Amino acid sequence: MDLAALGVATFGQSRLSAQTPYWESASAPGIHFAGTISQGAAGLRKHGLPSNSGAVHGARYNARLLAGHLARRWGSRPPQRRPMAGAALVGELAGILASAPELWHQRAYLARVVSMDAAVGPHDEGIVPLAAFVDGVGDDETGDALALTIEADGSGATYPVVYARRGGQLAEHAFEPDILLRYDSEAVRARLVEVVRPFGSA
């Protein structure tokens, strides 16, 4: 298929399609991409590191997200929001950082979002592209929320980062790397308490 004939902008020697964080053509709205071609959505490229979208173990999570995004966009599936008990919130967040496969396979690219609306309490909003959360676009709400992800800095260190959006301001909280990659420890939980306290949930 000739992408240029469809108005799809491409870039690089591989002529990848330029895409939004939700894998939609940046120049031809309505055309979406799934599979390894989803690497055309570069994400934040933290520390210059690319996503794993060019590999099956990364692209499969993108495809699952895209299917849900399109279902919500066309009105056939309401957003899935799971309430999170305030008293158990920190433990749930630590569990996500320790074992969520989407975050570990798509480091610094996908994030688990938890809305922090004081009126209704915290809700698990599911997985979103990290770039969408940072920019406040797509399925992401623009209200107070946390985005949990796993990042790597290119030196071999892999560690959690929590992006906290409160009152329209975004703060980045990087955690100390653990050589055993255990991110449900008491030290991590203590740091999470500090992160969520300003939201009135700790």
Foldseek 3Di string as FASTA:
>chain_A
DPVVVQQFQADDPVRQTQADLLQAGPGHGPDGDAALSSQSHFAPCALVNGWPSNDPLQRVVSVVVNVVLVCVVVPNDPQDKAADDLVCVLLVVLVCQQDVSNQVRGANFKWWKWALDVVPGIIGRGIGTPNCQVVVDRPHHQAWMKTKHWHDNPPPFIWIWIWTAHPNDIDIRTDDGDPVSNRSDPVNSVVVCVVCVVSVSD
